[in-house]
Amino acid sequence: MPRTCNIVLVCEGWQDSAFARGFLRMAGNLKILDRTNPRGSGCGHDWVRTQFVEEVANLTRFSEGRGVLGLLDEDGQRASERENEVADVLRKRNLGSCSATEGRCLLVPTRNLETWLYWLKSHQVGSVVSIDETTDFKRQPPAGVARIDNRDCRPAGEFLHTLDHTRLPEGCPSMLRRGLAQLRDFVNAVRR
């Protein structure tokens, strides 16, 4: 069965998916096939890595698919390690490399997506909060910031789209800065 889409979105969970869809829809991408880890099927990290590679392989088989966007939490394992794990599997399967400019984008929020969500939420409401990339904000929100919930994810992605990746505010987490640049490249690649 053909899959008419511009983007296949591969995520660990609903929050990641809502965040990415918020950004992509603001960028004008409405044809998104959402591949979110089904509950109870094991580790989100392993599922995203496997599914991301499968969807990259599908890019060569299905002419409709123009890009694959994956979100994979760093979870204290170093972003480069997470990226290398995916790159190794792609290389072993002769599928090239991850490159946002080629429509193969893997975002690795450090420590996890909540780091980005809290920073974006605080800046969206005009509050400046210091957010580090080592604290696990899934368990405890940063001081002075209300706990995020599912309703905050899509608006955070939409707000990210409004930011200029060349002039982000002071204190922007480094992987969010990098992620926004990757998203801009990815969106341009899938528009071709």
C-alpha atoms as a PDB file:
ATOM      1  CA  MET A   1       0.000   0.000   0.000  1.00  0.00           C
ATOM      2  CA  PRO A   2       1.520   3.366  -0.942  1.00  0.00           C
ATOM      3  CA  ARG A   3       2.350   5.815   1.818  1.00  0.00           C
ATOM      4  CA  THR A   4       1.793   9.320   0.514  1.00  0.00           C
ATOM      5  CA  CYS A   5       3.792  11.534   2.833  1.00  0.00           C
ATOM      6  CA  ASN A   6       6.638  13.990   2.823  1.00  0.00           C
ATOM      7  CA  ILE A   7       7.960  13.045   6.244  1.00  0.00           C
ATOM      8  CA  VAL A   8       8.051   9.893   8.324  1.00  0.00           C
ATOM      9  CA  LEU A   9       8.346  10.849  11.971  1.00  0.00           C
ATOM     10  CA  VAL A  10       9.951   8.275  14.301  1.00  0.00           C
ATOM     11  CA  CYS A  11       9.619   9.024  18.019  1.00  0.00           C
ATOM     12  CA  GLU A  12       9.934   7.434  21.441  1.00  0.00           C
ATOM     13  CA  GLY A  13       6.578   8.719  22.618  1.00  0.00           C
ATOM     14  CA  TRP A  14       3.611  10.996  22.202  1.00  0.00           C
ATOM     15  CA  GLN A  15       5.339  14.110  23.585  1.00  0.00           C
ATOM     16  CA  ASP A  16       8.198  13.820  21.086  1.00  0.00           C
ATOM     17  CA  SER A  17       5.719  13.353  18.262  1.00  0.00           C
ATOM     18  CA  ALA A  18       3.539  16.327  19.259  1.00  0.00           C
ATOM     19  CA  PHE A  19       6.625  18.545  19.601  1.00  0.00           C
ATOM     20  CA  ALA A  20       7.998  17.588  16.170  1.00  0.00           C
ATOM     21  CA  ARG A  21       4.582  17.828  14.482  1.00  0.00           C
ATOM     22  CA  GLY A  22       4.142  21.324  15.937  1.00  0.00           C
ATOM     23  CA  PHE A  23       7.409  22.445  14.350  1.00  0.00           C
ATOM     24  CA  LEU A  24       6.795  20.695  11.024  1.00  0.00           C
ATOM     25  CA  ARG A  25       3.251  22.005  10.621  1.00  0.00           C
ATOM     26  CA  MET A  26       4.411  25.561  11.280  1.00  0.00           C
ATOM     27  CA  ALA A  27       6.979  24.951   8.535  1.00  0.00           C
ATOM     28  CA  GLY A  28       4.148  23.995   6.165  1.00  0.00           C
ATOM     29  CA  ASN A  29       4.637  20.218   6.236  1.00  0.00           C
ATOM     30  CA  LEU A  30       1.229  18.611   6.569  1.00  0.00           C
ATOM     31  CA  LYS A  31       1.877  15.172   5.110  1.00  0.00           C
ATOM     32  CA  ILE A  32       3.438  13.431   8.086  1.00  0.00           C
ATOM     33  CA  LEU A  33       3.361   9.697   8.786  1.00  0.00           C
ATOM     34  CA  ASP A  34       3.755   9.317  12.535  1.00  0.00           C
ATOM     35  CA  ARG A  35       5.642   6.253  13.765  1.00  0.00           C
ATOM     36  CA  THR A  36       5.564   6.446  17.552  1.00  0.00           C
ATOM     37  CA  ASN A  37       6.829   3.648  19.761  1.00  0.00           C
ATOM     38  CA  PRO A  38       3.839   1.498  20.733  1.00  0.00           C
ATOM     39  CA  ARG A  39       3.486   1.220  24.501  1.00  0.00           C
ATOM     40  CA  GLY A  40       4.809  -1.926  26.047  1.00  0.00           C
ATOM     41  CA  SER A  41       7.039  -2.951  23.168  1.00  0.00           C
ATOM     42  CA  GLY A  42      10.368  -2.495  24.929  1.00  0.00           C
ATOM     43  CA  CYS A  43      12.941   0.236  25.215  1.00  0.00           C
ATOM     44  CA  GLY A  44      12.077   3.429  23.343  1.00  0.00           C
ATOM     45  CA  HIS A  45      15.712   3.948  22.399  1.00  0.00           C
ATOM     46  CA  ASP A  46      16.039   0.541  20.725  1.00  0.00           C
ATOM     47  CA  TRP A  47      12.702   0.913  18.959  1.00  0.00           C
ATOM     48  CA  VAL A  48      13.530   4.370  17.559  1.00  0.00           C
ATOM     49  CA  ARG A  49      16.975   3.257  16.386  1.00  0.00           C
ATOM     50  CA  THR A  50      15.548   0.195  14.602  1.00  0.00           C
ATOM     51  CA  GLN A  51      12.520   1.998  13.146  1.00  0.00           C
ATOM     52  CA  PHE A  52      14.567   5.015  12.017  1.00  0.00           C
ATOM     53  CA  VAL A  53      16.919   2.753  10.056  1.00  0.00           C
ATOM     54  CA  GLU A  54      13.944   0.876   8.541  1.00  0.00           C
ATOM     55  CA  GLU A  55      12.358   4.144   7.421  1.00  0.00           C
ATOM     56  CA  VAL A  56      15.640   5.321   5.884  1.00  0.00           C
ATOM     57  CA  ALA A  57      15.728   2.023   3.975  1.00  0.00           C
ATOM     58  CA  ASN A  58      12.144   2.690   2.852  1.00  0.00           C
ATOM     59  CA  LEU A  59      13.236   5.998   1.310  1.00  0.00           C
ATOM     60  CA  THR A  60      14.873   3.968  -1.447  1.00  0.00           C
ATOM     61  CA  ARG A  61      11.817   1.724  -1.904  1.00  0.00           C
ATOM     62  CA  PHE A  62       8.939   4.207  -1.735  1.00  0.00           C
ATOM     63  CA  SER A  63       9.102   7.248  -3.960  1.00  0.00           C
ATOM     64  CA  GLU A  64       6.488   9.044  -1.833  1.00  0.00           C
ATOM     65  CA  GLY A  65       8.693   9.330   1.234  1.00  0.00           C
ATOM     66  CA  ARG A  66      11.037  12.271   1.054  1.00  0.00           C
ATOM     67  CA  GLY A  67      12.401  12.428   4.565  1.00  0.00           C
ATOM     68  CA  VAL A  68      12.742  10.688   7.894  1.00  0.00           C
ATOM     69  CA  LEU A  69      12.899  12.630  11.147  1.00  0.00           C
ATOM     70  CA  GLY A  70      13.752  10.790  14.340  1.00  0.00           C
ATOM     71  CA  LEU A  71      13.879  11.944  17.961  1.00  0.00           C
ATOM     72  CA  LEU A  72      15.997   9.961  20.371  1.00  0.00           C
ATOM     73  CA  ASP A  73      16.698  11.087  23.942  1.00  0.00           C
ATOM     74  CA  GLU A  74      20.358  11.170  24.921  1.00  0.00           C
ATOM     75  CA  ASP A  75      19.468   9.849  28.418  1.00  0.00           C
ATOM     76  CA  GLY A  76      22.925  10.590  29.830  1.00  0.00           C
ATOM     77  CA  GLN A  77      24.712   8.435  27.242  1.00  0.00           C
ATOM     78  CA  ARG A  78      26.305  11.338  25.287  1.00  0.00           C
ATOM     79  CA  ALA A  79      24.673  12.526  22.098  1.00  0.00           C
ATOM     80  CA  SER A  80      27.624  11.437  19.954  1.00  0.00           C
ATOM     81  CA  GLU A  81      27.242   7.880  21.258  1.00  0.00           C
ATOM     82  CA  ARG A  82      23.534   7.807  20.349  1.00  0.00           C
ATOM     83  CA  GLU A  83      24.265   9.247  16.893  1.00  0.00           C
ATOM     84  CA  ASN A  84      27.101   6.770  16.315  1.00  0.00           C
ATOM     85  CA  GLU A  85      24.849   3.830  17.205  1.00  0.00           C
ATOM     86  CA  VAL A  86      22.445   4.824  14.434  1.00  0.00           C
ATOM     87  CA  ALA A  87      25.254   5.673  12.000  1.00  0.00           C
ATOM     88  CA  ASP A  88      26.815   2.222  12.540  1.00  0.00           C
ATOM     89  CA  VAL A  89      23.560   0.421  11.702  1.00  0.00           C
ATOM     90  CA  LEU A  90      23.023   2.605   8.610  1.00  0.00           C
ATOM     91  CA  ARG A  91      26.578   1.900   7.463  1.00  0.00           C
ATOM     92  CA  LYS A  92      26.225  -1.867   8.033  1.00  0.00           C
ATOM     93  CA  ARG A  93      23.106  -1.859   5.877  1.00  0.00           C
ATOM     94  CA  ASN A  94      24.730   0.321   3.167  1.00  0.00           C
ATOM     95  CA  LEU A  95      22.165   3.069   3.680  1.00  0.00           C
ATOM     96  CA  GLY A  96      24.501   6.053   3.720  1.00  0.00           C
ATOM     97  CA  SER A  97      24.650   8.431   6.621  1.00  0.00           C
ATOM     98  CA  CYS A  98      22.378  10.661   8.641  1.00  0.00           C
ATOM     99  CA  SER A  99      22.221  14.081   7.053  1.00  0.00           C
ATOM    100  CA  ALA A 100      19.463  16.622   7.556  1.00  0.00           C
ATOM    101  CA  THR A 101      20.308  18.164   4.166  1.00  0.00           C
ATOM    102  CA  GLU A 102      19.523  14.785   2.573  1.00  0.00           C
ATOM    103  CA  GLY A 103      16.234  14.313   4.419  1.00  0.00           C
ATOM    104  CA  ARG A 104      17.603  11.993   7.119  1.00  0.00           C
ATOM    105  CA  CYS A 105      17.519  13.851  10.389  1.00  0.00           C
ATOM    106  CA  LEU A 106      18.080  12.447  13.865  1.00  0.00           C
ATOM    107  CA  LEU A 107      17.572  14.860  16.758  1.00  0.00           C
ATOM    108  CA  VAL A 108      19.141  13.919  20.073  1.00  0.00           C
ATOM    109  CA  PRO A 109      17.921  16.154  22.900  1.00  0.00           C
ATOM    110  CA  THR A 110      20.258  16.158  25.892  1.00  0.00           C
ATOM    111  CA  ARG A 111      19.417  14.957  28.525  1.00  0.00           C
ATOM    112  CA  ASN A 112      15.956  14.369  27.135  1.00  0.00           C
ATOM    113  CA  LEU A 113      13.194  16.214  25.285  1.00  0.00           C
ATOM    114  CA  GLU A 114      11.994  17.751  28.545  1.00  0.00           C
ATOM    115  CA  THR A 115      15.191  19.844  28.621  1.00  0.00           C
ATOM    116  CA  TRP A 116      14.098  21.485  25.374  1.00  0.00           C
ATOM    117  CA  LEU A 117      10.439  21.730  26.381  1.00  0.00           C
ATOM    118  CA  TYR A 118      11.204  23.533  29.650  1.00  0.00           C
ATOM    119  CA  TRP A 119      13.586  25.980  27.985  1.00  0.00           C
ATOM    120  CA  LEU A 120      11.108  26.719  25.189  1.00  0.00           C
ATOM    121  CA  LYS A 121       8.132  27.004  27.547  1.00  0.00           C
ATOM    122  CA  SER A 122       9.940  29.451  29.818  1.00  0.00           C
ATOM    123  CA  HIS A 123      11.060  31.638  26.890  1.00  0.00           C
ATOM    124  CA  GLN A 124       7.636  31.484  25.287  1.00  0.00           C
ATOM    125  CA  VAL A 125       6.137  33.164  28.347  1.00  0.00           C
ATOM    126  CA  GLY A 126       9.015  35.645  28.646  1.00  0.00           C
ATOM    127  CA  SER A 127      10.738  34.035  31.606  1.00  0.00           C
ATOM    128  CA  VAL A 128      14.478  33.403  31.570  1.00  0.00           C
ATOM    129  CA  VAL A 129      15.320  30.153  33.316  1.00  0.00           C
ATOM    130  CA  SER A 130      18.694  28.467  33.425  1.00  0.00           C
ATOM    131  CA  ILE A 131      18.413  24.965  31.998  1.00  0.00           C
ATOM    132  CA  ASP A 132      21.322  22.535  31.992  1.00  0.00           C
ATOM    133  CA  GLU A 133      21.652  19.504  29.742  1.00  0.00           C
ATOM    134  CA  THR A 134      22.628  17.022  32.442  1.00  0.00           C
ATOM    135  CA  THR A 135      19.645  17.164  34.800  1.00  0.00           C
ATOM    136  CA  ASP A 136      16.816  14.727  34.159  1.00  0.00           C
ATOM    137  CA  PHE A 137      13.822  17.074  34.009  1.00  0.00           C
ATOM    138  CA  LYS A 138      11.380  14.174  33.502  1.00  0.00           C
ATOM    139  CA  ARG A 139      11.322  13.775  37.253  1.00  0.00           C
ATOM    140  CA  GLN A 140      11.567  17.342  38.505  1.00  0.00           C
ATOM    141  CA  PRO A 141      10.995  20.629  36.663  1.00  0.00           C
ATOM    142  CA  PRO A 142      13.618  23.369  36.885  1.00  0.00           C
ATOM    143  CA  ALA A 143      13.177  25.852  39.714  1.00  0.00           C
ATOM    144  CA  GLY A 144      10.591  28.495  38.921  1.00  0.00           C
ATOM    145  CA  VAL A 145       8.940  26.623  36.040  1.00  0.00           C
ATOM    146  CA  ALA A 146       5.584  24.847  36.187  1.00  0.00           C
ATOM    147  CA  ARG A 147       5.609  21.167  35.315  1.00  0.00           C
ATOM    148  CA  ILE A 148       5.016  20.559  31.604  1.00  0.00           C
ATOM    149  CA  ASP A 149       2.209  18.356  30.418  1.00  0.00           C
ATOM    150  CA  ASN A 150       1.088  16.991  27.073  1.00  0.00           C
ATOM    151  CA  ARG A 151      -0.602  20.288  26.151  1.00  0.00           C
ATOM    152  CA  ASP A 152       2.808  22.037  26.161  1.00  0.00           C
ATOM    153  CA  CYS A 153       4.491  19.854  23.534  1.00  0.00           C
ATOM    154  CA  ARG A 154       2.913  21.035  20.267  1.00  0.00           C
ATOM    155  CA  PRO A 155       3.091  24.737  21.224  1.00  0.00           C
ATOM    156  CA  ALA A 156       6.772  24.288  22.143  1.00  0.00           C
ATOM    157  CA  GLY A 157       7.465  22.911  18.646  1.00  0.00           C
ATOM    158  CA  GLU A 158       5.512  25.765  17.095  1.00  0.00           C
ATOM    159  CA  PHE A 159       7.436  28.312  19.184  1.00  0.00           C
ATOM    160  CA  LEU A 160      10.745  26.733  18.166  1.00  0.00           C
ATOM    161  CA  HIS A 161       9.802  27.321  14.542  1.00  0.00           C
ATOM    162  CA  THR A 162       9.459  31.060  15.211  1.00  0.00           C
ATOM    163  CA  LEU A 163      13.041  31.339  16.509  1.00  0.00           C
ATOM    164  CA  ASP A 164      15.969  32.362  14.320  1.00  0.00           C
ATOM    165  CA  HIS A 165      18.538  29.569  14.578  1.00  0.00           C
ATOM    166  CA  THR A 166      21.348  32.044  13.868  1.00  0.00           C
ATOM    167  CA  ARG A 167      20.410  34.294  16.823  1.00  0.00           C
ATOM    168  CA  LEU A 168      19.021  32.204  19.642  1.00  0.00           C
ATOM    169  CA  PRO A 169      18.737  33.761  23.111  1.00  0.00           C
ATOM    170  CA  GLU A 170      21.503  33.373  25.688  1.00  0.00           C
ATOM    171  CA  GLY A 171      21.405  30.139  27.606  1.00  0.00           C
ATOM    172  CA  CYS A 172      19.841  28.095  24.806  1.00  0.00           C
ATOM    173  CA  PRO A 173      20.839  24.442  25.330  1.00  0.00           C
ATOM    174  CA  SER A 174      23.557  23.548  22.822  1.00  0.00           C
ATOM    175  CA  MET A 175      21.744  20.518  21.406  1.00  0.00           C
ATOM    176  CA  LEU A 176      18.571  22.576  20.954  1.00  0.00           C
ATOM    177  CA  ARG A 177      20.622  25.157  19.047  1.00  0.00           C
ATOM    178  CA  ARG A 178      22.051  22.371  16.893  1.00  0.00           C
ATOM    179  CA  GLY A 179      18.646  20.695  16.571  1.00  0.00           C
ATOM    180  CA  LEU A 180      16.985  23.853  15.247  1.00  0.00           C
ATOM    181  CA  ALA A 181      19.683  24.235  12.581  1.00  0.00           C
ATOM    182  CA  GLN A 182      19.187  20.572  11.629  1.00  0.00           C
ATOM    183  CA  LEU A 183      15.415  21.039  11.444  1.00  0.00           C
ATOM    184  CA  ARG A 184      15.832  24.040   9.111  1.00  0.00           C
ATOM    185  CA  ASP A 185      18.089  21.976   6.828  1.00  0.00           C
ATOM    186  CA  PHE A 186      15.691  19.031   6.974  1.00  0.00           C
ATOM    187  CA  VAL A 187      12.627  21.117   6.103  1.00  0.00           C
ATOM    188  CA  ASN A 188      14.485  22.598   3.120  1.00  0.00           C
ATOM    189  CA  ALA A 189      15.536  19.113   1.972  1.00  0.00           C
ATOM    190  CA  VAL A 190      12.019  17.676   1.992  1.00  0.00           C
ATOM    191  CA  ARG A 191      10.627  20.658   0.064  1.00  0.00           C
ATOM    192  CA  ARG A 192      12.741  19.872  -2.986  1.00  0.00           C
END
